[in-house]
Structures are given as structure tokens and as C-alpha cells.
N, C-alpha and C. Protein backbone atom coordinates (compact mmCIF):
# COMPACT_ATOMS: atom_id res chain seq x y z
N MET A 1 1.01 -1.27 0.10
CA MET A 1 -0.13 0.06 0.02
C MET A 1 0.93 1.20 0.12
N ILE A 2 0.77 2.19 -0.63
CA ILE A 2 1.08 3.24 -0.88
C ILE A 2 1.41 4.13 0.52
N SER A 3 0.13 4.07 1.58
CA SER A 3 0.27 4.81 2.84
C SER A 3 1.31 4.11 3.97
N ASP A 4 1.48 2.65 3.39
CA ASP A 4 2.56 1.61 4.43
C ASP A 4 3.70 2.34 3.68
N TYR A 5 4.12 2.45 2.51
CA TYR A 5 5.74 2.77 2.24
C TYR A 5 5.85 4.25 2.34
N MET A 6 5.27 5.04 2.12
CA MET A 6 5.42 6.92 2.74
C MET A 6 5.31 7.10 3.94
N LYS A 7 4.47 6.07 4.99
CA LYS A 7 4.94 6.51 6.24
C LYS A 7 6.02 6.13 6.86
N ILE A 8 6.62 4.82 6.41
CA ILE A 8 8.12 4.49 6.47
C ILE A 8 9.31 5.50 6.12
N ASP A 9 9.04 6.20 5.15
CA ASP A 9 9.58 7.32 4.27
C ASP A 9 9.87 8.38 5.28
N HIS A 10 8.71 8.45 5.67
CA HIS A 10 8.23 9.84 6.74
C HIS A 10 9.31 9.31 7.95
N ARG A 11 9.19 8.34 8.47
CA ARG A 11 9.77 7.68 9.78
C ARG A 11 11.26 8.20 9.68
N ASP A 12 11.70 7.31 8.38
CA ASP A 12 13.50 7.32 7.68
C ASP A 12 13.59 9.18 8.15
N CYS A 13 12.72 9.86 7.48
CA CYS A 13 13.28 11.05 7.50
C CYS A 13 13.17 11.98 8.76
N ASP A 14 12.05 11.62 9.81
CA ASP A 14 12.20 12.04 11.28
C ASP A 14 13.58 11.62 11.69
N ALA A 15 13.84 10.76 11.41
CA ALA A 15 15.17 9.75 12.06
C ALA A 15 16.60 10.41 11.84
N LEU A 16 16.43 10.62 10.93
CA LEU A 16 17.81 11.62 10.38
C LEU A 16 17.47 12.79 10.84
N PHE A 17 16.66 13.74 10.45
CA PHE A 17 16.46 15.31 11.17
C PHE A 17 16.80 14.78 12.81
N ALA A 18 16.36 14.11 13.15
CA ALA A 18 16.60 13.77 15.10
C ALA A 18 18.38 13.88 15.31
N GLU A 19 18.95 12.98 14.16
CA GLU A 19 20.75 12.53 14.42
C GLU A 19 21.24 14.07 14.57
N ALA A 20 21.05 14.84 13.25
CA ALA A 20 21.47 15.90 12.64
C ALA A 20 21.11 17.12 13.88
N GLU A 21 20.05 17.10 14.42
CA GLU A 21 19.73 18.32 15.41
C GLU A 21 20.42 17.93 16.48
N LYS A 22 20.59 16.45 17.16
CA LYS A 22 21.41 16.14 17.99
C LYS A 22 22.98 16.62 18.21
N SER A 23 23.47 16.22 17.07
CA SER A 23 24.61 16.74 16.40
C SER A 23 24.94 18.39 16.64
N VAL A 24 24.22 19.03 16.18
CA VAL A 24 24.18 20.85 16.32
C VAL A 24 23.71 20.95 17.98
N ILE A 25 22.82 20.20 18.24
CA ILE A 25 22.85 20.72 20.17
C ILE A 25 23.87 19.88 20.76
N ASP A 26 25.03 19.01 20.38
CA ASP A 26 25.83 18.70 21.12
C ASP A 26 27.26 19.73 20.48
N GLY A 27 27.06 19.98 19.24
CA GLY A 27 28.33 21.22 18.75
C GLY A 27 28.93 20.27 17.89
N ASP A 28 28.83 19.22 17.42
CA ASP A 28 29.65 18.33 16.37
C ASP A 28 29.25 19.08 15.33
N PHE A 29 29.43 19.75 14.49
CA PHE A 29 29.71 20.56 13.36
C PHE A 29 30.03 19.55 12.29
N ALA A 30 30.74 18.82 12.36
CA ALA A 30 31.53 17.96 11.41
C ALA A 30 30.35 16.52 11.17
N GLN A 31 29.86 16.17 12.13
CA GLN A 31 29.03 15.04 12.05
C GLN A 31 27.76 15.31 11.85
N ALA A 32 27.21 16.75 12.57
CA ALA A 32 25.74 17.80 12.22
C ALA A 32 25.96 18.00 10.31
N HIS A 33 26.92 18.40 9.92
CA HIS A 33 26.69 18.89 8.34
C HIS A 33 26.73 17.61 7.44
N SER A 34 27.60 16.50 7.55
CA SER A 34 27.28 15.08 7.09
C SER A 34 25.50 14.80 7.47
N GLN A 35 25.08 14.49 8.54
CA GLN A 35 24.08 14.10 8.54
C GLN A 35 22.50 15.04 8.26
N PHE A 36 23.02 16.09 8.33
CA PHE A 36 22.09 17.29 7.83
C PHE A 36 22.02 16.64 6.49
N LEU A 37 23.14 16.82 5.86
CA LEU A 37 23.15 16.09 4.37
C LEU A 37 22.34 15.20 3.92
N VAL A 38 22.47 13.89 4.72
CA VAL A 38 21.62 13.12 4.27
C VAL A 38 20.53 13.08 4.84
N PHE A 39 19.91 13.98 5.81
CA PHE A 39 18.56 14.20 6.20
C PHE A 39 17.90 15.08 4.87
N SER A 40 18.64 16.13 4.40
CA SER A 40 18.00 17.09 3.48
C SER A 40 17.79 16.07 2.21
N GLU A 41 18.83 15.36 1.87
CA GLU A 41 18.54 14.69 0.50
C GLU A 41 17.39 13.66 0.73
N GLY A 42 17.53 13.22 1.55
CA GLY A 42 16.16 11.97 2.02
C GLY A 42 15.02 12.72 1.88
N THR A 43 15.24 14.04 2.43
CA THR A 43 14.02 14.67 2.45
C THR A 43 13.57 15.23 0.92
N LEU A 44 14.36 15.55 0.27
CA LEU A 44 14.01 16.51 -1.53
C LEU A 44 13.62 15.11 -1.94
N GLN A 45 14.45 13.67 -1.85
CA GLN A 45 13.87 12.98 -2.59
C GLN A 45 12.80 12.34 -2.11
N HIS A 46 12.15 12.18 -0.79
CA HIS A 46 10.71 11.98 -0.42
C HIS A 46 9.92 13.05 -1.43
N PHE A 47 10.25 14.61 -1.27
CA PHE A 47 9.16 15.67 -2.20
C PHE A 47 8.89 14.65 -3.42
N ASN A 48 10.32 14.31 -4.35
CA ASN A 48 10.27 14.02 -5.62
C ASN A 48 9.61 12.88 -5.96
N LYS A 49 9.82 11.73 -5.07
CA LYS A 49 8.69 10.78 -4.80
C LYS A 49 7.41 10.89 -5.20
N GLU A 50 6.85 12.22 -4.44
CA GLU A 50 5.40 12.63 -4.56
C GLU A 50 5.07 13.58 -5.57
N GLU A 51 5.86 14.18 -6.18
CA GLU A 51 5.88 15.03 -6.89
C GLU A 51 5.65 14.70 -8.27
N GLN A 52 6.86 13.98 -8.79
CA GLN A 52 7.05 13.16 -9.80
C GLN A 52 6.27 11.64 -10.24
N ALA A 53 5.85 11.32 -8.98
CA ALA A 53 4.69 10.06 -9.29
C ALA A 53 3.69 9.48 -8.77
N LEU A 54 3.43 9.89 -7.17
CA LEU A 54 2.29 9.93 -6.61
C LEU A 54 1.53 11.27 -7.10
N PHE A 55 1.85 12.39 -6.74
CA PHE A 55 0.81 13.19 -7.16
C PHE A 55 0.28 13.43 -8.16
N PRO A 56 1.41 13.23 -9.52
CA PRO A 56 0.19 13.06 -10.77
C PRO A 56 -0.55 11.92 -10.75
N THR A 57 -0.18 10.34 -10.30
CA THR A 57 -1.01 9.76 -10.30
C THR A 57 -2.34 9.85 -9.72
N PHE A 58 -2.33 10.14 -8.80
CA PHE A 58 -3.88 10.87 -7.98
C PHE A 58 -4.23 11.96 -8.64
N GLU A 59 -3.68 12.88 -9.48
CA GLU A 59 -4.82 13.91 -10.37
C GLU A 59 -5.15 13.24 -11.37
N GLN A 60 -4.10 12.22 -11.78
CA GLN A 60 -4.71 11.81 -13.12
C GLN A 60 -6.32 10.94 -12.94
N VAL A 61 -6.20 10.36 -11.51
CA VAL A 61 -7.42 9.39 -10.97
C VAL A 61 -8.51 10.27 -10.74
N THR A 62 -8.28 11.11 -10.05
CA THR A 62 -9.27 11.89 -10.04
C THR A 62 -9.70 13.35 -10.30
N GLY A 63 -9.06 13.64 -11.53
CA GLY A 63 -9.10 15.14 -12.40
C GLY A 63 -9.05 16.20 -11.78
N ASN A 64 -8.37 15.96 -10.69
CA ASN A 64 -8.60 16.92 -9.67
C ASN A 64 -6.86 17.41 -9.41
N SER A 65 -6.35 18.96 -9.61
CA SER A 65 -5.00 18.77 -9.43
C SER A 65 -4.99 20.50 -8.43
N ASP A 66 -6.01 20.87 -7.99
CA ASP A 66 -6.08 21.88 -7.15
C ASP A 66 -6.66 21.56 -5.66
N GLY A 67 -6.72 20.41 -5.58
CA GLY A 67 -7.06 19.59 -4.22
C GLY A 67 -5.77 19.40 -3.02
N PRO A 68 -5.74 18.48 -2.69
CA PRO A 68 -4.93 18.19 -1.48
C PRO A 68 -3.31 18.05 -1.77
N THR A 69 -3.15 17.67 -3.29
CA THR A 69 -1.53 18.04 -4.13
C THR A 69 -1.30 19.19 -4.16
N SER A 70 -2.19 19.96 -4.10
CA SER A 70 -1.69 21.47 -4.92
C SER A 70 -1.16 22.17 -3.17
N MET A 71 -1.89 21.72 -2.01
CA MET A 71 -1.42 22.43 -0.94
C MET A 71 -0.15 21.75 -0.39
N MET A 72 -0.12 20.07 -0.74
CA MET A 72 1.21 19.62 -0.34
C MET A 72 2.54 20.41 -1.02
N ARG A 73 2.42 20.46 -2.42
CA ARG A 73 3.25 20.85 -2.85
C ARG A 73 3.72 22.55 -2.48
N PHE A 74 2.81 22.93 -2.13
CA PHE A 74 3.19 24.44 -1.30
C PHE A 74 3.91 24.38 -0.08
N GLU A 75 3.53 23.70 0.52
CA GLU A 75 4.19 23.44 1.80
C GLU A 75 5.75 22.60 1.53
N HIS A 76 5.95 21.65 0.50
CA HIS A 76 6.80 21.10 0.02
C HIS A 76 7.70 22.51 -0.40
N GLU A 77 7.25 23.35 -0.79
CA GLU A 77 8.54 24.45 -1.31
C GLU A 77 8.86 25.44 -0.17
N GLN A 78 7.87 25.33 0.93
CA GLN A 78 8.07 26.01 2.06
C GLN A 78 9.36 25.61 2.93
N MET A 79 8.94 23.98 3.05
CA MET A 79 9.87 23.21 3.47
C MET A 79 11.61 23.38 3.00
N ARG A 80 11.56 23.47 1.59
CA ARG A 80 12.72 23.60 0.90
C ARG A 80 13.44 24.82 1.11
N GLY A 81 12.72 26.07 1.44
CA GLY A 81 13.09 27.72 2.10
C GLY A 81 13.81 27.45 3.38
N LEU A 82 12.99 26.32 4.32
CA LEU A 82 13.81 25.79 5.78
C LEU A 82 14.67 25.16 5.67
N LEU A 83 15.02 23.91 4.53
CA LEU A 83 16.05 23.37 4.59
C LEU A 83 17.30 24.29 4.22
N ASP A 84 17.09 25.35 3.26
CA ASP A 84 17.77 26.15 2.54
C ASP A 84 18.55 26.54 4.16
N LYS A 85 17.79 27.64 5.02
CA LYS A 85 18.37 28.07 5.99
C LYS A 85 19.27 26.97 6.59
N MET A 86 18.55 26.35 7.19
CA MET A 86 19.29 25.31 7.94
C MET A 86 20.59 24.78 7.23
N THR A 87 20.63 24.68 6.20
CA THR A 87 22.17 24.30 5.23
C THR A 87 23.36 25.29 5.69
N ASP A 88 22.53 26.61 5.55
CA ASP A 88 23.55 27.97 5.86
C ASP A 88 23.64 28.14 7.31
N ALA A 89 23.01 27.47 8.03
CA ALA A 89 23.30 27.85 9.79
C ALA A 89 24.47 26.58 10.04
N VAL A 90 24.36 25.30 9.52
CA VAL A 90 25.21 24.46 9.49
C VAL A 90 26.66 24.74 9.01
N LYS A 91 26.26 25.32 7.87
CA LYS A 91 27.74 26.03 7.13
C LYS A 91 28.68 26.61 7.95
N GLN A 92 27.80 27.70 8.47
CA GLN A 92 28.49 28.75 9.49
C GLN A 92 28.49 28.53 10.98
N GLN A 93 28.24 27.09 11.20
CA GLN A 93 28.12 27.07 12.73
C GLN A 93 27.39 27.30 13.84
N ASP A 94 26.21 27.68 13.21
CA ASP A 94 25.22 28.83 13.81
C ASP A 94 24.46 27.83 14.65
N LYS A 95 24.49 27.71 15.91
CA LYS A 95 23.90 26.35 16.32
C LYS A 95 22.30 27.41 16.88
N ASP A 96 22.24 28.36 17.04
CA ASP A 96 21.41 29.54 17.39
C ASP A 96 20.24 29.57 16.20
N ALA A 97 20.72 29.58 15.10
CA ALA A 97 19.80 29.96 14.01
C ALA A 97 19.45 28.96 13.65
N PHE A 98 20.27 27.42 13.40
CA PHE A 98 19.91 26.14 13.19
C PHE A 98 18.69 25.55 13.70
N LEU A 99 18.79 25.39 15.24
CA LEU A 99 17.69 25.66 16.05
C LEU A 99 16.74 26.30 16.04
N SER A 100 16.73 27.25 15.74
CA SER A 100 15.56 28.44 15.37
C SER A 100 14.42 28.11 14.25
N VAL A 101 15.38 27.44 13.00
CA VAL A 101 14.71 27.01 11.86
C VAL A 101 14.35 25.20 12.01
N ALA A 102 15.08 25.15 12.72
CA ALA A 102 15.12 23.24 13.08
C ALA A 102 13.52 23.44 13.75
N GLU A 103 13.22 24.07 14.67
CA GLU A 103 12.12 24.14 15.67
C GLU A 103 10.51 24.18 14.24
N SER A 104 10.71 25.17 13.69
CA SER A 104 9.49 25.80 12.39
C SER A 104 9.68 24.41 11.58
N MET A 105 10.77 23.69 11.22
CA MET A 105 10.41 22.80 10.37
C MET A 105 10.05 21.31 11.15
N MET A 106 10.51 21.36 12.34
CA MET A 106 9.99 20.29 12.79
C MET A 106 8.22 20.19 12.91
N ILE A 107 7.51 21.47 13.48
CA ILE A 107 6.53 21.90 13.59
C ILE A 107 5.57 21.49 12.06
N MET A 108 6.35 22.04 11.37
CA MET A 108 5.70 22.24 9.55
C MET A 108 6.09 20.31 8.95
N MET A 109 6.85 19.74 9.15
CA MET A 109 6.84 18.10 8.88
C MET A 109 6.04 17.51 9.37
N GLN A 110 5.61 17.61 10.68
CA GLN A 110 5.11 16.82 11.51
C GLN A 110 3.41 17.40 11.33
N GLN A 111 2.91 18.50 11.09
CA GLN A 111 1.82 18.78 10.80
C GLN A 111 1.64 18.10 8.97
N HIS A 112 2.80 18.55 8.06
CA HIS A 112 2.47 18.21 6.86
C HIS A 112 2.64 16.45 6.94
N ASN A 113 3.45 15.69 7.60
CA ASN A 113 2.88 14.14 7.37
C ASN A 113 1.65 13.61 7.77
N MET A 114 1.19 14.55 9.08
CA MET A 114 -0.09 14.28 9.78
C MET A 114 -1.26 14.01 8.36
N LYS A 115 -0.92 15.13 7.63
CA LYS A 115 -2.09 15.54 6.61
C LYS A 115 -2.07 14.10 5.47
N GLU A 116 -0.37 14.23 5.04
CA GLU A 116 -0.76 13.31 4.21
C GLU A 116 -0.77 12.08 4.96
N GLU A 117 -0.98 11.49 5.71
CA GLU A 117 -0.64 9.98 6.27
C GLU A 117 -2.42 10.08 6.49
N GLN A 118 -2.69 10.62 7.33
CA GLN A 118 -4.18 10.67 7.59
C GLN A 118 -5.40 11.04 6.50
N MET A 119 -4.93 11.91 5.46
CA MET A 119 -5.75 12.08 4.39
C MET A 119 -5.22 11.40 2.67
N LEU A 120 -4.14 12.20 2.56
CA LEU A 120 -3.64 11.93 0.87
C LEU A 120 -3.82 11.10 0.70
N TYR A 121 -2.66 9.99 1.74
CA TYR A 121 -2.09 8.53 1.19
C TYR A 121 -3.21 7.80 1.23
N THR A 122 -4.06 7.80 2.24
CA THR A 122 -5.43 6.89 2.26
C THR A 122 -6.20 7.08 1.34
N MET A 123 -6.74 8.12 0.69
CA MET A 123 -7.16 8.79 -0.56
C MET A 123 -6.74 8.13 -1.60
N CYS A 124 -5.31 7.59 -1.87
CA CYS A 124 -4.37 7.00 -2.98
C CYS A 124 -4.81 5.81 -2.94
N ASP A 125 -4.78 4.97 -1.51
CA ASP A 125 -5.02 3.67 -1.47
C ASP A 125 -6.26 3.33 -2.04
N ARG A 126 -7.47 4.02 -1.38
CA ARG A 126 -8.71 3.78 -2.02
C ARG A 126 -8.80 4.18 -3.53
N MET A 127 -8.42 5.45 -3.72
CA MET A 127 -8.87 5.95 -5.37
C MET A 127 -8.27 4.90 -6.21
N ILE A 128 -7.06 5.04 -6.13
CA ILE A 128 -5.69 4.72 -7.71
C ILE A 128 -6.08 2.81 -7.51
N PRO A 129 -6.67 2.51 -8.83
CA PRO A 129 -6.69 1.28 -8.86
C PRO A 129 -5.24 0.14 -8.53
N ALA A 130 -5.55 -1.10 -8.37
CA ALA A 130 -4.64 -1.56 -8.03
C ALA A 130 -3.33 -1.75 -9.20
N ASP A 131 -3.24 -1.72 -10.34
CA ASP A 131 -2.16 -1.64 -11.19
C ASP A 131 -1.44 -0.72 -10.98
N LEU A 132 -2.36 0.55 -10.88
CA LEU A 132 -1.58 1.55 -11.16
C LEU A 132 -0.58 1.98 -10.07
N LYS A 133 -1.74 1.69 -8.72
CA LYS A 133 -0.55 1.63 -7.27
C LYS A 133 0.58 1.31 -7.28
N GLN A 134 0.33 -0.28 -7.93
CA GLN A 134 1.66 -0.86 -8.00
C GLN A 134 2.74 -0.52 -8.46
N GLN A 135 2.21 0.13 -10.02
CA GLN A 135 3.01 0.91 -10.62
C GLN A 135 3.82 1.99 -10.42
N THR A 136 3.07 3.33 -9.55
CA THR A 136 3.60 4.28 -8.71
C THR A 136 4.09 3.63 -7.60
N LEU A 137 3.97 3.02 -6.85
CA LEU A 137 4.83 1.97 -5.77
C LEU A 137 6.42 1.95 -6.47
N ASP A 138 6.21 0.95 -7.54
CA ASP A 138 7.50 0.65 -8.27
C ASP A 138 8.53 1.83 -8.56
N THR A 139 7.73 2.75 -9.46
CA THR A 139 8.21 4.07 -9.53
C THR A 139 9.06 4.78 -8.59
N MET A 140 7.98 4.91 -7.37
CA MET A 140 8.92 5.60 -6.45
C MET A 140 9.84 4.83 -5.81
N GLN A 141 10.02 3.54 -5.35
CA GLN A 141 10.92 2.62 -4.78
C GLN A 141 12.43 2.71 -5.65
N ALA A 142 12.01 3.02 -7.42
CA ALA A 142 13.07 3.27 -8.18
C ALA A 142 14.00 4.28 -8.03
N MET A 143 12.94 5.47 -7.28
CA MET A 143 13.63 6.80 -7.77
C MET A 143 15.12 6.90 -6.52
């Protein structure tokens, strides 16, 4: 199921975020830099899976591109902006700036993930035909 696969992806990103944040709190910016890079790449890859595979499939099946996928894309853009600010803070080894943006990022990720998991992924599992659902999962897993 799409919801199972994508929920695991969310949890993986959450764990990577927590590791990077802990390294910043500990003042280990060498470790934080590498961990944050893995988190950022994983998060962007997750967005790409949705934007390039899942959302277009959902929109094709429902005939609606102005619904929940539009809002999710908007939130992705907001989070990309936060990722940029966090990247700068890690490079500058600015603990306070990183943690300030990290707090906003955590809140946004939690709210975003909840909407996707409780609404969008459930709708995808219910509305996308089984063969197209499997094809979409295969595409996302290959990304």
C-alpha cells in the first residue's frame, strides 16, 4: 500500500532529522553537516517521489490538481526554504540559527506528514486502481 511505504519514508526522514539536530545541539558540526546532508537529500527525494510519481497519478485518477496535492506542493516549497536556511546555519556553525529554523521545520513536517498520512495517502490507496498503484509504488521505489 502507498500509505505504508510513504509512512516508512516519513519515519526515516524524521530519524535523520533528529540525528542531525542532536549533533548541532552537541556542537559537533562536522557530524551535523554530514547528517544534515543525508536528511536534506532524503527529504528532497521524498518530495520528488510525491511530486513526480504519486501526485500526478492521484491527479490523473481524480481529475483534480487543485486539491490536496496542490497544498502539499506548496508546503514542500516552504520546507525547501527552511532546508536552505538550515544548510546555511550548519555551514556557518550557527547553533542558534539552526535550532530556531529546526523548530519551525519540525512543526511543519509533523503537520504536513499528518495531513498526508491521514488524508492523502489514504485517498490514494482507496482511489488508485491496484495495477496503477503498484506501478506508482515501483516508480517511487526506483527513485
